Amino acid sequence: MQVIWSRKTDYMRLIWVVLFFNNLIQGQKPDFGNDSAALKIMDRLPAAEPFDTAHRWKKAAGPYQYIIRQNDLYDYFGWRLYVLYMDFDFANYHILGIKQCRQCLEYCRHETGGSECHRNICREDWVWRMRDNKKAFTEIPSVTFPGHAAGSLPGGQKYFLHDTVMVKEEDSTLAAWYTHAGGDCCARFEYRLFRDNYYPAVLLKEWNYYGGCRAGGFWDFTIRFQKPPGTDYFIKRTILMDKQT
């Protein structure tokens, strides 16, 4: 039997093929939902802990892992990935790690209200996304004081061993971040607070300026600010700087 192919049939088949592959490509594009600061997934960063196999005892603290400087790369992932990403543009971008199901992120569209899920069981891994600094963060006005100013706990405690954020009992919007800094004896420090526009996190950035002294030193600081509503995670990152001129 002879089969006759019409131009119309060929045209419809071509449309079907184009739509099929277009849907396939669209399905594989990560759905970052409301996070318009997210640009792409960093595929070569580890999906499971330990991130640095040379330090297997290190565990991720909290659900949000911010990589905002070159030294963070080394602290999190070790030498090999530090070298691989040492030219990353941290002036304009950063990397955020969140533990979630990557297949849901790529196929299921839960972030935009999709109810259907992929057929196999969800598996949560660390997914690292590259984000735009300007879109991701809004600076929070703050004032920095030397020492742990007005820091008091039951029993008269006025020193905080680890970074601690406390809110006033009479006004839960007023908060104080008690932190520590270390460097050489002539080091200088600058602090600025940023809220993440898409996740319930506040980021404290410490600029640690090298002072040129051989001796070491340690200092306490208190940063006062208004706590943004709905923020539950407070994360500090230190940026090592050359000597101020």
C-alpha atoms as a PDB file:
ATOM      1  CA  MET A   1       0.000   0.000   0.000  1.00  0.00           C
ATOM      2  CA  GLN A   2       1.341   3.389  -0.969  1.00  0.00           C
ATOM      3  CA  VAL A   3       1.275   6.109   1.689  1.00  0.00           C
ATOM      4  CA  ILE A   4       0.836   9.650   0.465  1.00  0.00           C
ATOM      5  CA  TRP A   5       2.202  12.438   2.723  1.00  0.00           C
ATOM      6  CA  SER A   6       0.623  15.819   2.287  1.00  0.00           C
ATOM      7  CA  ARG A   7       2.262  19.147   3.010  1.00  0.00           C
ATOM      8  CA  LYS A   8      -0.396  19.730   5.652  1.00  0.00           C
ATOM      9  CA  THR A   9       0.536  16.498   7.423  1.00  0.00           C
ATOM     10  CA  ASP A  10       4.224  17.388   7.395  1.00  0.00           C
ATOM     11  CA  TYR A  11       3.447  20.862   8.716  1.00  0.00           C
ATOM     12  CA  MET A  12       1.349  19.482  11.612  1.00  0.00           C
ATOM     13  CA  ARG A  13       4.070  16.986  12.517  1.00  0.00           C
ATOM     14  CA  LEU A  14       6.647  19.768  12.558  1.00  0.00           C
ATOM     15  CA  ILE A  15       4.474  21.833  14.904  1.00  0.00           C
ATOM     16  CA  TRP A  16       4.029  18.823  17.203  1.00  0.00           C
ATOM     17  CA  VAL A  17       7.781  18.184  17.373  1.00  0.00           C
ATOM     18  CA  VAL A  18       8.534  21.853  18.125  1.00  0.00           C
ATOM     19  CA  LEU A  19       5.918  21.973  20.895  1.00  0.00           C
ATOM     20  CA  PHE A  20       7.179  18.713  22.394  1.00  0.00           C
ATOM     21  CA  PHE A  21      10.766  19.826  22.683  1.00  0.00           C
ATOM     22  CA  ASN A  22       9.737  23.289  23.831  1.00  0.00           C
ATOM     23  CA  ASN A  23       7.721  21.761  26.688  1.00  0.00           C
ATOM     24  CA  LEU A  24      10.621  19.478  27.522  1.00  0.00           C
ATOM     25  CA  ILE A  25      13.024  22.412  27.743  1.00  0.00           C
ATOM     26  CA  GLN A  26      10.553  24.493  29.750  1.00  0.00           C
ATOM     27  CA  GLY A  27      10.036  21.589  32.166  1.00  0.00           C
ATOM     28  CA  GLN A  28      13.726  21.368  32.871  1.00  0.00           C
ATOM     29  CA  LYS A  29      14.073  25.071  33.660  1.00  0.00           C
ATOM     30  CA  PRO A  30      14.205  25.584  37.444  1.00  0.00           C
ATOM     31  CA  ASP A  31      11.137  27.235  38.939  1.00  0.00           C
ATOM     32  CA  PHE A  32      12.408  29.662  41.584  1.00  0.00           C
ATOM     33  CA  GLY A  33       8.898  30.908  42.335  1.00  0.00           C
ATOM     34  CA  ASN A  34       8.876  34.340  43.960  1.00  0.00           C
ATOM     35  CA  ASP A  35      12.675  34.475  44.166  1.00  0.00           C
ATOM     36  CA  SER A  36      13.294  36.758  41.203  1.00  0.00           C
ATOM     37  CA  ALA A  37      16.891  37.274  42.408  1.00  0.00           C
ATOM     38  CA  ALA A  38      17.750  33.665  41.489  1.00  0.00           C
ATOM     39  CA  LEU A  39      19.463  33.254  38.124  1.00  0.00           C
ATOM     40  CA  LYS A  40      20.617  29.657  37.818  1.00  0.00           C
ATOM     41  CA  ILE A  41      21.568  26.501  39.705  1.00  0.00           C
ATOM     42  CA  MET A  42      25.256  25.923  40.448  1.00  0.00           C
ATOM     43  CA  ASP A  43      25.424  22.289  39.350  1.00  0.00           C
ATOM     44  CA  ARG A  44      29.017  21.587  40.369  1.00  0.00           C
ATOM     45  CA  LEU A  45      28.567  22.370  44.069  1.00  0.00           C
ATOM     46  CA  PRO A  46      27.927  19.345  46.357  1.00  0.00           C
ATOM     47  CA  ALA A  47      24.343  18.203  46.934  1.00  0.00           C
ATOM     48  CA  ALA A  48      25.077  16.351  50.171  1.00  0.00           C
ATOM     49  CA  GLU A  49      27.062  16.894  53.350  1.00  0.00           C
ATOM     50  CA  PRO A  50      29.899  16.980  54.151  1.00  0.00           C
ATOM     51  CA  PHE A  51      30.524  19.703  51.595  1.00  0.00           C
ATOM     52  CA  ASP A  52      34.279  19.391  52.164  1.00  0.00           C
ATOM     53  CA  THR A  53      35.285  15.731  52.466  1.00  0.00           C
ATOM     54  CA  ALA A  54      38.511  16.777  54.224  1.00  0.00           C
ATOM     55  CA  HIS A  55      36.388  18.034  57.143  1.00  0.00           C
ATOM     56  CA  ARG A  56      33.666  15.436  57.500  1.00  0.00           C
ATOM     57  CA  TRP A  57      32.618  16.664  60.946  1.00  0.00           C
ATOM     58  CA  LYS A  58      31.405  20.029  59.616  1.00  0.00           C
ATOM     59  CA  LYS A  59      27.623  20.333  59.408  1.00  0.00           C
ATOM     60  CA  ALA A  60      25.518  23.058  57.845  1.00  0.00           C
ATOM     61  CA  ALA A  61      23.979  25.304  60.487  1.00  0.00           C
ATOM     62  CA  GLY A  62      20.462  26.250  59.469  1.00  0.00           C
ATOM     63  CA  PRO A  63      18.417  25.877  56.279  1.00  0.00           C
ATOM     64  CA  TYR A  64      19.988  28.811  54.420  1.00  0.00           C
ATOM     65  CA  GLN A  65      23.674  28.795  53.500  1.00  0.00           C
ATOM     66  CA  TYR A  66      24.998  32.069  52.084  1.00  0.00           C
ATOM     67  CA  ILE A  67      28.248  32.182  50.097  1.00  0.00           C
ATOM     68  CA  ILE A  68      29.100  35.883  49.733  1.00  0.00           C
ATOM     69  CA  ARG A  69      32.910  35.951  49.378  1.00  0.00           C
ATOM     70  CA  GLN A  70      35.821  33.900  48.063  1.00  0.00           C
ATOM     71  CA  ASN A  71      36.825  32.730  51.529  1.00  0.00           C
ATOM     72  CA  ASP A  72      33.340  31.278  52.048  1.00  0.00           C
ATOM     73  CA  LEU A  73      34.050  28.977  49.116  1.00  0.00           C
ATOM     74  CA  TYR A  74      37.135  27.628  50.856  1.00  0.00           C
ATOM     75  CA  ASP A  75      35.459  27.386  54.273  1.00  0.00           C
ATOM     76  CA  TYR A  76      32.493  25.456  52.868  1.00  0.00           C
ATOM     77  CA  PHE A  77      33.910  23.354  50.043  1.00  0.00           C
ATOM     78  CA  GLY A  78      37.688  23.166  50.363  1.00  0.00           C
ATOM     79  CA  TRP A  79      40.513  23.938  47.984  1.00  0.00           C
ATOM     80  CA  ARG A  80      39.292  22.271  44.781  1.00  0.00           C
ATOM     81  CA  LEU A  81      36.015  24.161  44.496  1.00  0.00           C
ATOM     82  CA  TYR A  82      37.616  27.333  45.828  1.00  0.00           C
ATOM     83  CA  VAL A  83      39.978  27.304  42.845  1.00  0.00           C
ATOM     84  CA  LEU A  84      37.148  26.400  40.464  1.00  0.00           C
ATOM     85  CA  TYR A  85      35.019  29.389  41.504  1.00  0.00           C
ATOM     86  CA  MET A  86      37.676  31.846  42.640  1.00  0.00           C
ATOM     87  CA  ASP A  87      36.766  34.233  39.787  1.00  0.00           C
ATOM     88  CA  PHE A  88      33.083  34.320  40.764  1.00  0.00           C
ATOM     89  CA  ASP A  89      31.763  37.906  40.781  1.00  0.00           C
ATOM     90  CA  PHE A  90      30.840  38.329  44.451  1.00  0.00           C
ATOM     91  CA  ALA A  91      30.572  42.105  44.005  1.00  0.00           C
ATOM     92  CA  ASN A  92      27.302  41.622  42.115  1.00  0.00           C
ATOM     93  CA  TYR A  93      26.198  38.081  42.924  1.00  0.00           C
ATOM     94  CA  HIS A  94      26.204  35.504  45.717  1.00  0.00           C
ATOM     95  CA  ILE A  95      25.329  31.818  46.133  1.00  0.00           C
ATOM     96  CA  LEU A  96      22.510  30.558  48.355  1.00  0.00           C
ATOM     97  CA  GLY A  97      22.152  26.910  49.351  1.00  0.00           C
ATOM     98  CA  ILE A  98      18.728  25.525  50.336  1.00  0.00           C
ATOM     99  CA  LYS A  99      17.899  21.888  51.045  1.00  0.00           C
ATOM    100  CA  GLN A 100      15.010  20.860  48.802  1.00  0.00           C
ATOM    101  CA  CYS A 101      13.882  18.377  46.173  1.00  0.00           C
ATOM    102  CA  ARG A 102      15.604  19.331  42.951  1.00  0.00           C
ATOM    103  CA  GLN A 103      13.153  17.419  40.757  1.00  0.00           C
ATOM    104  CA  CYS A 104      10.281  19.422  42.237  1.00  0.00           C
ATOM    105  CA  LEU A 105      12.211  22.608  41.541  1.00  0.00           C
ATOM    106  CA  GLU A 106      12.819  21.638  37.907  1.00  0.00           C
ATOM    107  CA  TYR A 107       9.580  19.894  36.954  1.00  0.00           C
ATOM    108  CA  CYS A 108       6.671  20.231  39.357  1.00  0.00           C
ATOM    109  CA  ARG A 109       6.058  23.981  39.627  1.00  0.00           C
ATOM    110  CA  HIS A 110       5.056  23.831  43.317  1.00  0.00           C
ATOM    111  CA  GLU A 111       6.421  27.339  43.841  1.00  0.00           C
ATOM    112  CA  THR A 112       3.761  28.715  41.507  1.00  0.00           C
ATOM    113  CA  GLY A 113       0.871  26.628  42.841  1.00  0.00           C
ATOM    114  CA  GLY A 114       1.326  23.374  40.929  1.00  0.00           C
ATOM    115  CA  SER A 115      -0.127  20.375  42.806  1.00  0.00           C
ATOM    116  CA  GLU A 116       1.165  17.515  40.643  1.00  0.00           C
ATOM    117  CA  CYS A 117       4.492  15.923  41.614  1.00  0.00           C
ATOM    118  CA  HIS A 118       6.992  13.697  39.824  1.00  0.00           C
ATOM    119  CA  ARG A 119       6.347   9.967  40.032  1.00  0.00           C
ATOM    120  CA  ASN A 120       9.345   8.863  42.105  1.00  0.00           C
ATOM    121  CA  ILE A 121       9.778   9.744  45.779  1.00  0.00           C
ATOM    122  CA  CYS A 122      10.994  13.253  46.584  1.00  0.00           C
ATOM    123  CA  ARG A 123      14.610  13.460  47.694  1.00  0.00           C
ATOM    124  CA  GLU A 124      15.910  16.569  49.404  1.00  0.00           C
ATOM    125  CA  ASP A 125      19.452  17.660  48.573  1.00  0.00           C
ATOM    126  CA  TRP A 126      21.340  20.915  48.815  1.00  0.00           C
ATOM    127  CA  VAL A 127      20.542  23.067  45.789  1.00  0.00           C
ATOM    128  CA  TRP A 128      22.874  26.023  45.228  1.00  0.00           C
ATOM    129  CA  ARG A 129      21.535  28.968  43.263  1.00  0.00           C
ATOM    130  CA  MET A 130      23.326  32.025  41.928  1.00  0.00           C
ATOM    131  CA  ARG A 131      21.485  35.233  42.907  1.00  0.00           C
ATOM    132  CA  ASP A 132      21.630  38.929  42.116  1.00  0.00           C
ATOM    133  CA  ASN A 133      22.750  40.945  45.174  1.00  0.00           C
ATOM    134  CA  LYS A 134      20.705  44.039  44.318  1.00  0.00           C
ATOM    135  CA  LYS A 135      17.479  42.081  43.902  1.00  0.00           C
ATOM    136  CA  ALA A 136      18.057  39.733  46.830  1.00  0.00           C
ATOM    137  CA  PHE A 137      18.858  42.171  49.663  1.00  0.00           C
ATOM    138  CA  THR A 138      17.556  45.353  51.239  1.00  0.00           C
ATOM    139  CA  GLU A 139      19.753  47.119  53.787  1.00  0.00           C
ATOM    140  CA  ILE A 140      18.358  47.558  57.302  1.00  0.00           C
ATOM    141  CA  PRO A 141      19.307  50.816  59.058  1.00  0.00           C
ATOM    142  CA  SER A 142      21.430  50.011  62.099  1.00  0.00           C
ATOM    143  CA  VAL A 143      23.728  51.558  64.710  1.00  0.00           C
ATOM    144  CA  THR A 144      26.898  49.840  65.998  1.00  0.00           C
ATOM    145  CA  PHE A 145      28.238  50.269  69.551  1.00  0.00           C
ATOM    146  CA  PRO A 146      31.502  48.957  71.011  1.00  0.00           C
ATOM    147  CA  GLY A 147      31.064  46.252  73.637  1.00  0.00           C
ATOM    148  CA  HIS A 148      27.860  44.435  74.473  1.00  0.00           C
ATOM    149  CA  ALA A 149      25.838  47.541  75.260  1.00  0.00           C
ATOM    150  CA  ALA A 150      22.962  47.009  77.674  1.00  0.00           C
ATOM    151  CA  GLY A 151      23.252  43.267  77.249  1.00  0.00           C
ATOM    152  CA  SER A 152      21.495  41.615  80.152  1.00  0.00           C
ATOM    153  CA  LEU A 153      20.035  38.210  80.829  1.00  0.00           C
ATOM    154  CA  PRO A 154      18.530  36.751  84.014  1.00  0.00           C
ATOM    155  CA  GLY A 155      21.288  36.564  86.588  1.00  0.00           C
ATOM    156  CA  GLY A 156      23.005  39.735  85.405  1.00  0.00           C
ATOM    157  CA  GLN A 157      24.796  38.248  82.393  1.00  0.00           C
ATOM    158  CA  LYS A 158      26.305  40.957  80.175  1.00  0.00           C
ATOM    159  CA  TYR A 159      28.469  38.892  77.809  1.00  0.00           C
ATOM    160  CA  PHE A 160      27.398  36.609  74.990  1.00  0.00           C
ATOM    161  CA  LEU A 161      29.747  33.779  74.059  1.00  0.00           C
ATOM    162  CA  HIS A 162      28.255  33.304  70.579  1.00  0.00           C
ATOM    163  CA  ASP A 163      26.445  35.623  68.202  1.00  0.00           C
ATOM    164  CA  THR A 164      23.094  36.379  69.815  1.00  0.00           C
ATOM    165  CA  VAL A 165      20.077  38.365  68.640  1.00  0.00           C
ATOM    166  CA  MET A 166      17.626  39.572  71.286  1.00  0.00           C
ATOM    167  CA  VAL A 167      14.453  41.630  71.021  1.00  0.00           C
ATOM    168  CA  LYS A 168      13.058  43.944  73.666  1.00  0.00           C
ATOM    169  CA  GLU A 169      10.194  42.463  75.678  1.00  0.00           C
ATOM    170  CA  GLU A 170       8.229  45.712  75.532  1.00  0.00           C
ATOM    171  CA  ASP A 171       8.720  46.118  71.753  1.00  0.00           C
ATOM    172  CA  SER A 172       9.471  43.030  69.668  1.00  0.00           C
ATOM    173  CA  THR A 173      10.460  45.156  66.662  1.00  0.00           C
ATOM    174  CA  LEU A 174      13.533  46.548  68.438  1.00  0.00           C
ATOM    175  CA  ALA A 175      16.485  44.129  68.415  1.00  0.00           C
ATOM    176  CA  ALA A 176      20.162  43.967  69.329  1.00  0.00           C
ATOM    177  CA  TRP A 177      22.737  41.728  67.670  1.00  0.00           C
ATOM    178  CA  TYR A 178      25.633  40.876  70.005  1.00  0.00           C
ATOM    179  CA  THR A 179      28.662  39.828  67.980  1.00  0.00           C
ATOM    180  CA  HIS A 180      32.433  39.380  68.200  1.00  0.00           C
ATOM    181  CA  ALA A 181      35.330  40.335  65.946  1.00  0.00           C
ATOM    182  CA  GLY A 182      38.908  39.120  65.727  1.00  0.00           C
ATOM    183  CA  GLY A 183      41.970  40.329  63.865  1.00  0.00           C
ATOM    184  CA  ASP A 184      45.324  41.969  64.412  1.00  0.00           C
ATOM    185  CA  CYS A 185      45.632  44.617  67.125  1.00  0.00           C
ATOM    186  CA  CYS A 186      45.087  47.502  64.663  1.00  0.00           C
ATOM    187  CA  ALA A 187      42.203  45.926  62.728  1.00  0.00           C
ATOM    188  CA  ARG A 188      39.100  47.948  61.942  1.00  0.00           C
ATOM    189  CA  PHE A 189      35.552  46.678  61.532  1.00  0.00           C
ATOM    190  CA  GLU A 190      32.422  47.821  59.755  1.00  0.00           C
ATOM    191  CA  TYR A 191      28.951  46.275  60.117  1.00  0.00           C
ATOM    192  CA  ARG A 192      25.875  46.453  57.897  1.00  0.00           C
ATOM    193  CA  LEU A 193      22.622  44.498  58.071  1.00  0.00           C
ATOM    194  CA  PHE A 194      20.604  43.181  55.121  1.00  0.00           C
ATOM    195  CA  ARG A 195      17.299  41.381  54.960  1.00  0.00           C
ATOM    196  CA  ASP A 196      16.664  38.783  52.283  1.00  0.00           C
ATOM    197  CA  ASN A 197      13.704  39.949  50.208  1.00  0.00           C
ATOM    198  CA  TYR A 198      12.515  36.386  49.533  1.00  0.00           C
ATOM    199  CA  TYR A 199      13.490  34.272  52.552  1.00  0.00           C
ATOM    200  CA  PRO A 200      13.049  34.834  56.337  1.00  0.00           C
ATOM    201  CA  ALA A 201      16.728  35.649  56.908  1.00  0.00           C
ATOM    202  CA  VAL A 202      18.786  38.655  58.016  1.00  0.00           C
ATOM    203  CA  LEU A 203      22.442  38.788  56.992  1.00  0.00           C
ATOM    204  CA  LEU A 204      25.058  40.637  59.062  1.00  0.00           C
ATOM    205  CA  LYS A 205      28.082  41.556  56.947  1.00  0.00           C
ATOM    206  CA  GLU A 206      31.311  42.302  58.787  1.00  0.00           C
ATOM    207  CA  TRP A 207      34.087  44.047  56.849  1.00  0.00           C
ATOM    208  CA  ASN A 208      37.310  43.082  58.649  1.00  0.00           C
ATOM    209  CA  TYR A 209      40.094  45.495  57.621  1.00  0.00           C
ATOM    210  CA  TYR A 210      43.677  44.331  58.088  1.00  0.00           C
ATOM    211  CA  GLY A 211      45.586  46.690  60.422  1.00  0.00           C
ATOM    212  CA  GLY A 212      49.168  45.652  59.698  1.00  0.00           C
ATOM    213  CA  CYS A 213      50.012  44.589  63.248  1.00  0.00           C
ATOM    214  CA  ARG A 214      51.578  41.256  64.260  1.00  0.00           C
ATOM    215  CA  ALA A 215      49.644  40.975  67.512  1.00  0.00           C
ATOM    216  CA  GLY A 216      46.093  39.662  67.679  1.00  0.00           C
ATOM    217  CA  GLY A 217      43.030  41.226  69.193  1.00  0.00           C
ATOM    218  CA  PHE A 218      39.366  40.497  69.966  1.00  0.00           C
ATOM    219  CA  TRP A 219      36.436  42.882  70.335  1.00  0.00           C
ATOM    220  CA  ASP A 220      32.713  42.815  71.122  1.00  0.00           C
ATOM    221  CA  PHE A 221      30.094  44.872  69.307  1.00  0.00           C
ATOM    222  CA  THR A 222      26.373  45.510  69.592  1.00  0.00           C
ATOM    223  CA  ILE A 223      24.333  46.307  66.495  1.00  0.00           C
ATOM    224  CA  ARG A 224      20.897  47.805  67.156  1.00  0.00           C
ATOM    225  CA  PHE A 225      18.177  47.635  64.500  1.00  0.00           C
ATOM    226  CA  GLN A 226      14.475  47.149  63.882  1.00  0.00           C
ATOM    227  CA  LYS A 227      13.695  43.489  63.286  1.00  0.00           C
ATOM    228  CA  PRO A 228      11.812  42.968  60.012  1.00  0.00           C
ATOM    229  CA  PRO A 229       8.569  41.016  60.499  1.00  0.00           C
ATOM    230  CA  GLY A 230       8.706  37.334  59.654  1.00  0.00           C
ATOM    231  CA  THR A 231      12.493  36.945  59.936  1.00  0.00           C
ATOM    232  CA  ASP A 232      13.606  33.883  61.894  1.00  0.00           C
ATOM    233  CA  TYR A 233      17.215  33.301  60.795  1.00  0.00           C
ATOM    234  CA  PHE A 234      20.177  35.550  61.583  1.00  0.00           C
ATOM    235  CA  ILE A 235      23.416  34.825  59.736  1.00  0.00           C
ATOM    236  CA  LYS A 236      26.816  36.515  59.942  1.00  0.00           C
ATOM    237  CA  ARG A 237      29.464  36.588  57.229  1.00  0.00           C
ATOM    238  CA  THR A 238      32.932  38.154  57.473  1.00  0.00           C
ATOM    239  CA  ILE A 239      34.634  39.783  54.499  1.00  0.00           C
ATOM    240  CA  LEU A 240      38.420  40.105  54.827  1.00  0.00           C
ATOM    241  CA  MET A 241      39.707  43.428  53.513  1.00  0.00           C
ATOM    242  CA  ASP A 242      43.107  44.953  52.799  1.00  0.00           C
ATOM    243  CA  LYS A 243      44.503  47.647  55.057  1.00  0.00           C
ATOM    244  CA  GLN A 244      42.530  50.900  55.033  1.00  0.00           C
ATOM    245  CA  THR A 245      44.370  53.915  53.641  1.00  0.00           C
END
